Structure formats: C-alpha cells, structure tokens
Amino acid sequence: MSKQDRAISMEFAKLDWHNWIKKGYTWKAAREEIEKDYEFTDEEKIKFRWWLVGIMESYQEAGAVK
C-alpha cells in the first residue's frame, strides 16, 4: 500500500473509531476493533494511539470525561 493510501486508511480508521463509540463500545474496545480491522504498522498503531490521547484530552477539557 502506498504512503498516501495508508494515510487515507488512517483517516477512515478514525471515523470508524467514532462509529464504534456511537454503537456503545468502550474506548479500549473500539481501539481494539480498529487495530484488528486495519493492518497498521507498529508506527501507525503509535500514531493512532496518540490521536486517541488527544481525543481523551479534549473530552476532559470539555468536562465530558473525568
């Protein structure tokens, strides 16, 4: 897969993560589903998890998560 295709795949994974959350999955379960469905490299897994950290921080700042 080309570098551009992998970047697009990462964006779709982020959208899918939000969809798993809307279905009632926990953050961890949604992440595990994404990592199972998408064949991320180790580097991509790290990037995805750092993206999740940013999402968690924004939820905390908004008061949605304690």
PDB file of N, CA and C in Angstrom:
ATOM      1  N   MET A   1       0.851  -1.172   0.000  1.00  0.00           N
ATOM      2  CA  MET A   1       0.000   0.000   0.000  1.00  0.00           C
ATOM      3  C   MET A   1       0.900   1.241   0.000  1.00  0.00           C
ATOM      4  N   SER A   2       0.523   2.218  -0.804  1.00  0.00           N
ATOM      5  CA  SER A   2       1.335   3.436  -0.882  1.00  0.00           C
ATOM      6  C   SER A   2       1.195   4.255   0.398  1.00  0.00           C
ATOM      7  N   LYS A   3       2.105   5.187   0.563  1.00  0.00           N
ATOM      8  CA  LYS A   3       2.090   6.054   1.744  1.00  0.00           C
ATOM      9  C   LYS A   3       0.789   6.855   1.803  1.00  0.00           C
ATOM     10  N   GLN A   4       0.341   7.330   0.640  1.00  0.00           N
ATOM     11  CA  GLN A   4      -0.905   8.098   0.582  1.00  0.00           C
ATOM     12  C   GLN A   4      -2.107   7.221   0.929  1.00  0.00           C
ATOM     13  N   ASP A   5      -2.123   5.994   0.427  1.00  0.00           N
ATOM     14  CA  ASP A   5      -3.216   5.068   0.748  1.00  0.00           C
ATOM     15  C   ASP A   5      -3.247   4.755   2.239  1.00  0.00           C
ATOM     16  N   ARG A   6      -2.074   4.620   2.839  1.00  0.00           N
ATOM     17  CA  ARG A   6      -2.010   4.326   4.277  1.00  0.00           C
ATOM     18  C   ARG A   6      -2.527   5.517   5.087  1.00  0.00           C
ATOM     19  N   ALA A   7      -2.224   6.731   4.629  1.00  0.00           N
ATOM     20  CA  ALA A   7      -2.714   7.934   5.316  1.00  0.00           C
ATOM     21  C   ALA A   7      -4.238   8.013   5.218  1.00  0.00           C
ATOM     22  N   ILE A   8      -4.775   7.684   4.065  1.00  0.00           N
ATOM     23  CA  ILE A   8      -6.239   7.682   3.889  1.00  0.00           C
ATOM     24  C   ILE A   8      -6.865   6.609   4.773  1.00  0.00           C
ATOM     25  N   SER A   9      -6.216   5.460   4.839  1.00  0.00           N
ATOM     26  CA  SER A   9      -6.696   4.373   5.693  1.00  0.00           C
ATOM     27  C   SER A   9      -6.754   4.808   7.159  1.00  0.00           C
ATOM     28  N   MET A  10      -5.753   5.576   7.587  1.00  0.00           N
ATOM     29  CA  MET A  10      -5.723   6.075   8.966  1.00  0.00           C
ATOM     30  C   MET A  10      -6.922   6.990   9.226  1.00  0.00           C
ATOM     31  N   GLU A  11      -7.262   7.832   8.257  1.00  0.00           N
ATOM     32  CA  GLU A  11      -8.408   8.732   8.420  1.00  0.00           C
ATOM     33  C   GLU A  11      -9.711   7.940   8.511  1.00  0.00           C
ATOM     34  N   PHE A  12      -9.838   6.888   7.709  1.00  0.00           N
ATOM     35  CA  PHE A  12     -11.019   6.038   7.794  1.00  0.00           C
ATOM     36  C   PHE A  12     -11.076   5.313   9.139  1.00  0.00           C
ATOM     37  N   ALA A  13      -9.929   4.924   9.655  1.00  0.00           N
ATOM     38  CA  ALA A  13      -9.884   4.262  10.964  1.00  0.00           C
ATOM     39  C   ALA A  13     -10.400   5.196  12.056  1.00  0.00           C
ATOM     40  N   LYS A  14     -10.049   6.472  11.957  1.00  0.00           N
ATOM     41  CA  LYS A  14     -10.517   7.447  12.947  1.00  0.00           C
ATOM     42  C   LYS A  14     -12.032   7.589  12.880  1.00  0.00           C
ATOM     43  N   LEU A  15     -12.570   7.630  11.666  1.00  0.00           N
ATOM     44  CA  LEU A  15     -14.028   7.703  11.505  1.00  0.00           C
ATOM     45  C   LEU A  15     -14.698   6.448  12.047  1.00  0.00           C
ATOM     46  N   ASP A  16     -14.098   5.295  11.753  1.00  0.00           N
ATOM     47  CA  ASP A  16     -14.648   4.039  12.259  1.00  0.00           C
ATOM     48  C   ASP A  16     -14.610   3.990  13.779  1.00  0.00           C
ATOM     49  N   TRP A  17     -13.564   4.540  14.385  1.00  0.00           N
ATOM     50  CA  TRP A  17     -13.474   4.555  15.848  1.00  0.00           C
ATOM     51  C   TRP A  17     -14.667   5.316  16.420  1.00  0.00           C
ATOM     52  N   HIS A  18     -14.973   6.467  15.841  1.00  0.00           N
ATOM     53  CA  HIS A  18     -16.127   7.241  16.302  1.00  0.00           C
ATOM     54  C   HIS A  18     -17.423   6.438  16.142  1.00  0.00           C
ATOM     55  N   ASN A  19     -17.531   5.699  15.055  1.00  0.00           N
ATOM     56  CA  ASN A  19     -18.726   4.878  14.841  1.00  0.00           C
ATOM     57  C   ASN A  19     -18.841   3.780  15.891  1.00  0.00           C
ATOM     58  N   TRP A  20     -17.729   3.156  16.264  1.00  0.00           N
ATOM     59  CA  TRP A  20     -17.754   2.130  17.320  1.00  0.00           C
ATOM     60  C   TRP A  20     -18.211   2.748  18.650  1.00  0.00           C
ATOM     61  N   ILE A  21     -17.755   3.962  18.930  1.00  0.00           N
ATOM     62  CA  ILE A  21     -18.151   4.639  20.166  1.00  0.00           C
ATOM     63  C   ILE A  21     -19.658   4.914  20.146  1.00  0.00           C
ATOM     64  N   LYS A  22     -20.166   5.371  19.006  1.00  0.00           N
ATOM     65  CA  LYS A  22     -21.609   5.638  18.876  1.00  0.00           C
ATOM     66  C   LYS A  22     -22.430   4.368  19.065  1.00  0.00           C
ATOM     67  N   LYS A  23     -21.842   3.213  18.734  1.00  0.00           N
ATOM     68  CA  LYS A  23     -22.528   1.932  18.914  1.00  0.00           C
ATOM     69  C   LYS A  23     -22.490   1.458  20.360  1.00  0.00           C
ATOM     70  N   GLY A  24     -21.760   2.195  21.219  1.00  0.00           N
ATOM     71  CA  GLY A  24     -21.723   1.854  22.634  1.00  0.00           C
ATOM     72  C   GLY A  24     -20.482   1.128  23.101  1.00  0.00           C
ATOM     73  N   TYR A  25     -19.501   0.998  22.238  1.00  0.00           N
ATOM     74  CA  TYR A  25     -18.254   0.351  22.643  1.00  0.00           C
ATOM     75  C   TYR A  25     -17.469   1.265  23.574  1.00  0.00           C
ATOM     76  N   THR A  26     -16.666   0.665  24.436  1.00  0.00           N
ATOM     77  CA  THR A  26     -15.756   1.469  25.253  1.00  0.00           C
ATOM     78  C   THR A  26     -14.634   1.967  24.345  1.00  0.00           C
ATOM     79  N   TRP A  27     -13.899   2.949  24.832  1.00  0.00           N
ATOM     80  CA  TRP A  27     -12.789   3.488  24.046  1.00  0.00           C
ATOM     81  C   TRP A  27     -11.775   2.395  23.727  1.00  0.00           C
ATOM     82  N   LYS A  28     -11.483   1.562  24.729  1.00  0.00           N
ATOM     83  CA  LYS A  28     -10.500   0.497  24.542  1.00  0.00           C
ATOM     84  C   LYS A  28     -11.008  -0.542  23.553  1.00  0.00           C
ATOM     85  N   ALA A  29     -12.264  -0.945  23.691  1.00  0.00           N
ATOM     86  CA  ALA A  29     -12.828  -1.948  22.781  1.00  0.00           C
ATOM     87  C   ALA A  29     -12.870  -1.421  21.347  1.00  0.00           C
ATOM     88  N   ALA A  30     -13.206  -0.152  21.192  1.00  0.00           N
ATOM     89  CA  ALA A  30     -13.237   0.453  19.857  1.00  0.00           C
ATOM     90  C   ALA A  30     -11.828   0.464  19.263  1.00  0.00           C
ATOM     91  N   ARG A  31     -10.832   0.820  20.069  1.00  0.00           N
ATOM     92  CA  ARG A  31      -9.446   0.821  19.592  1.00  0.00           C
ATOM     93  C   ARG A  31      -9.024  -0.577  19.180  1.00  0.00           C
ATOM     94  N   GLU A  32      -9.374  -1.565  19.981  1.00  0.00           N
ATOM     95  CA  GLU A  32      -9.002  -2.939  19.657  1.00  0.00           C
ATOM     96  C   GLU A  32      -9.654  -3.398  18.349  1.00  0.00           C
ATOM     97  N   GLU A  33     -10.907  -3.012  18.125  1.00  0.00           N
ATOM     98  CA  GLU A  33     -11.591  -3.355  16.875  1.00  0.00           C
ATOM     99  C   GLU A  33     -10.878  -2.717  15.685  1.00  0.00           C
ATOM    100  N   ILE A  34     -10.510  -1.455  15.834  1.00  0.00           N
ATOM    101  CA  ILE A  34      -9.820  -0.750  14.751  1.00  0.00           C
ATOM    102  C   ILE A  34      -8.487  -1.420  14.461  1.00  0.00           C
ATOM    103  N   GLU A  35      -7.731  -1.717  15.484  1.00  0.00           N
ATOM    104  CA  GLU A  35      -6.417  -2.329  15.282  1.00  0.00           C
ATOM    105  C   GLU A  35      -6.534  -3.733  14.706  1.00  0.00           C
ATOM    106  N   LYS A  36      -7.660  -4.384  14.949  1.00  0.00           N
ATOM    107  CA  LYS A  36      -7.895  -5.707  14.376  1.00  0.00           C
ATOM    108  C   LYS A  36      -8.300  -5.572  12.897  1.00  0.00           C
ATOM    109  N   ASP A  37      -9.158  -4.591  12.598  1.00  0.00           N
ATOM    110  CA  ASP A  37      -9.684  -4.418  11.247  1.00  0.00           C
ATOM    111  C   ASP A  37      -8.674  -3.813  10.275  1.00  0.00           C
ATOM    112  N   TYR A  38      -7.838  -2.919  10.769  1.00  0.00           N
ATOM    113  CA  TYR A  38      -6.848  -2.243   9.926  1.00  0.00           C
ATOM    114  C   TYR A  38      -5.485  -2.851  10.215  1.00  0.00           C
ATOM    115  N   GLU A  39      -4.767  -3.140   9.192  1.00  0.00           N
ATOM    116  CA  GLU A  39      -3.443  -3.739   9.355  1.00  0.00           C
ATOM    117  C   GLU A  39      -2.400  -2.639   9.508  1.00  0.00           C
ATOM    118  N   PHE A  40      -2.396  -2.045  10.686  1.00  0.00           N
ATOM    119  CA  PHE A  40      -1.456  -0.966  10.977  1.00  0.00           C
ATOM    120  C   PHE A  40      -0.055  -1.503  11.187  1.00  0.00           C
ATOM    121  N   THR A  41       0.911  -0.713  10.774  1.00  0.00           N
ATOM    122  CA  THR A  41       2.294  -0.993  11.148  1.00  0.00           C
ATOM    123  C   THR A  41       2.436  -0.570  12.614  1.00  0.00           C
ATOM    124  N   ASP A  42       3.544  -0.933  13.230  1.00  0.00           N
ATOM    125  CA  ASP A  42       3.763  -0.520  14.620  1.00  0.00           C
ATOM    126  C   ASP A  42       3.752   1.001  14.736  1.00  0.00           C
ATOM    127  N   GLU A  43       4.362   1.677  13.771  1.00  0.00           N
ATOM    128  CA  GLU A  43       4.400   3.141  13.783  1.00  0.00           C
ATOM    129  C   GLU A  43       2.986   3.730  13.664  1.00  0.00           C
ATOM    130  N   GLU A  44       2.161   3.124  12.821  1.00  0.00           N
ATOM    131  CA  GLU A  44       0.785   3.610  12.662  1.00  0.00           C
ATOM    132  C   GLU A  44      -0.047   3.373  13.921  1.00  0.00           C
ATOM    133  N   LYS A  45       0.194   2.253  14.592  1.00  0.00           N
ATOM    134  CA  LYS A  45      -0.504   1.995  15.860  1.00  0.00           C
ATOM    135  C   LYS A  45      -0.176   3.081  16.869  1.00  0.00           C
ATOM    136  N   ILE A  46       1.086   3.457  16.929  1.00  0.00           N
ATOM    137  CA  ILE A  46       1.509   4.509  17.862  1.00  0.00           C
ATOM    138  C   ILE A  46       0.840   5.829  17.502  1.00  0.00           C
ATOM    139  N   LYS A  47       0.831   6.175  16.218  1.00  0.00           N
ATOM    140  CA  LYS A  47       0.184   7.421  15.785  1.00  0.00           C
ATOM    141  C   LYS A  47      -1.302   7.409  16.122  1.00  0.00           C
ATOM    142  N   PHE A  48      -1.946   6.270  15.881  1.00  0.00           N
ATOM    143  CA  PHE A  48      -3.372   6.159  16.182  1.00  0.00           C
ATOM    144  C   PHE A  48      -3.620   6.321  17.677  1.00  0.00           C
ATOM    145  N   ARG A  49      -2.817   5.692  18.490  1.00  0.00           N
ATOM    146  CA  ARG A  49      -2.993   5.788  19.941  1.00  0.00           C
ATOM    147  C   ARG A  49      -2.722   7.209  20.441  1.00  0.00           C
ATOM    148  N   TRP A  50      -1.753   7.914  19.860  1.00  0.00           N
ATOM    149  CA  TRP A  50      -1.514   9.307  20.240  1.00  0.00           C
ATOM    150  C   TRP A  50      -2.695  10.172  19.826  1.00  0.00           C
ATOM    151  N   TRP A  51      -3.303   9.866  18.690  1.00  0.00           N
ATOM    152  CA  TRP A  51      -4.513  10.573  18.273  1.00  0.00           C
ATOM    153  C   TRP A  51      -5.602  10.382  19.337  1.00  0.00           C
ATOM    154  N   LEU A  52      -5.731   9.147  19.835  1.00  0.00           N
ATOM    155  CA  LEU A  52      -6.725   8.873  20.883  1.00  0.00           C
ATOM    156  C   LEU A  52      -6.433   9.650  22.162  1.00  0.00           C
ATOM    157  N   VAL A  53      -5.162   9.785  22.498  1.00  0.00           N
ATOM    158  CA  VAL A  53      -4.800  10.578  23.679  1.00  0.00           C
ATOM    159  C   VAL A  53      -5.308  12.009  23.506  1.00  0.00           C
ATOM    160  N   GLY A  54      -5.137  12.563  22.319  1.00  0.00           N
ATOM    161  CA  GLY A  54      -5.633  13.910  22.038  1.00  0.00           C
ATOM    162  C   GLY A  54      -7.143  13.992  22.162  1.00  0.00           C
ATOM    163  N   ILE A  55      -7.833  12.980  21.703  1.00  0.00           N
ATOM    164  CA  ILE A  55      -9.297  12.940  21.819  1.00  0.00           C
ATOM    165  C   ILE A  55      -9.688  12.905  23.289  1.00  0.00           C
ATOM    166  N   MET A  56      -9.019  12.057  24.069  1.00  0.00           N
ATOM    167  CA  MET A  56      -9.328  11.965  25.501  1.00  0.00           C
ATOM    168  C   MET A  56      -9.109  13.297  26.199  1.00  0.00           C
ATOM    169  N   GLU A  57      -8.017  13.975  25.873  1.00  0.00           N
ATOM    170  CA  GLU A  57      -7.737  15.273  26.486  1.00  0.00           C
ATOM    171  C   GLU A  57      -8.815  16.294  26.136  1.00  0.00           C
ATOM    172  N   SER A  58      -9.276  16.283  24.896  1.00  0.00           N
ATOM    173  CA  SER A  58     -10.316  17.246  24.506  1.00  0.00           C
ATOM    174  C   SER A  58     -11.631  16.951  25.226  1.00  0.00           C
ATOM    175  N   TYR A  59     -11.934  15.673  25.436  1.00  0.00           N
ATOM    176  CA  TYR A  59     -13.140  15.316  26.193  1.00  0.00           C
ATOM    177  C   TYR A  59     -13.010  15.777  27.645  1.00  0.00           C
ATOM    178  N   GLN A  60     -11.824  15.606  28.222  1.00  0.00           N
ATOM    179  CA  GLN A  60     -11.597  16.023  29.604  1.00  0.00           C
ATOM    180  C   GLN A  60     -11.737  17.537  29.733  1.00  0.00           C
ATOM    181  N   GLU A  61     -11.169  18.264  28.791  1.00  0.00           N
ATOM    182  CA  GLU A  61     -11.258  19.730  28.837  1.00  0.00           C
ATOM    183  C   GLU A  61     -12.687  20.198  28.708  1.00  0.00           C
ATOM    184  N   ALA A  62     -13.488  19.464  27.967  1.00  0.00           N
ATOM    185  CA  ALA A  62     -14.896  19.818  27.791  1.00  0.00           C
ATOM    186  C   ALA A  62     -15.754  19.361  28.970  1.00  0.00           C
ATOM    187  N   GLY A  63     -15.152  18.596  29.891  1.00  0.00           N
ATOM    188  CA  GLY A  63     -15.882  18.130  31.064  1.00  0.00           C
ATOM    189  C   GLY A  63     -16.699  16.875  30.823  1.00  0.00           C
ATOM    190  N   ALA A  64     -16.489  16.217  29.667  1.00  0.00           N
ATOM    191  CA  ALA A  64     -17.269  15.031  29.351  1.00  0.00           C
ATOM    192  C   ALA A  64     -16.708  13.775  30.011  1.00  0.00           C
ATOM    193  N   VAL A  65     -15.423  13.796  30.366  1.00  0.00           N
ATOM    194  CA  VAL A  65     -14.760  12.652  30.976  1.00  0.00           C
ATOM    195  C   VAL A  65     -13.952  13.158  32.152  1.00  0.00           C
ATOM    196  N   LYS A  66     -13.977  12.418  33.245  1.00  0.00           N
ATOM    197  CA  LYS A  66     -13.215  12.822  34.422  1.00  0.00           C
ATOM    198  C   LYS A  66     -12.064  11.877  34.652  1.00  0.00           C
TER     199      LYS A  66
END
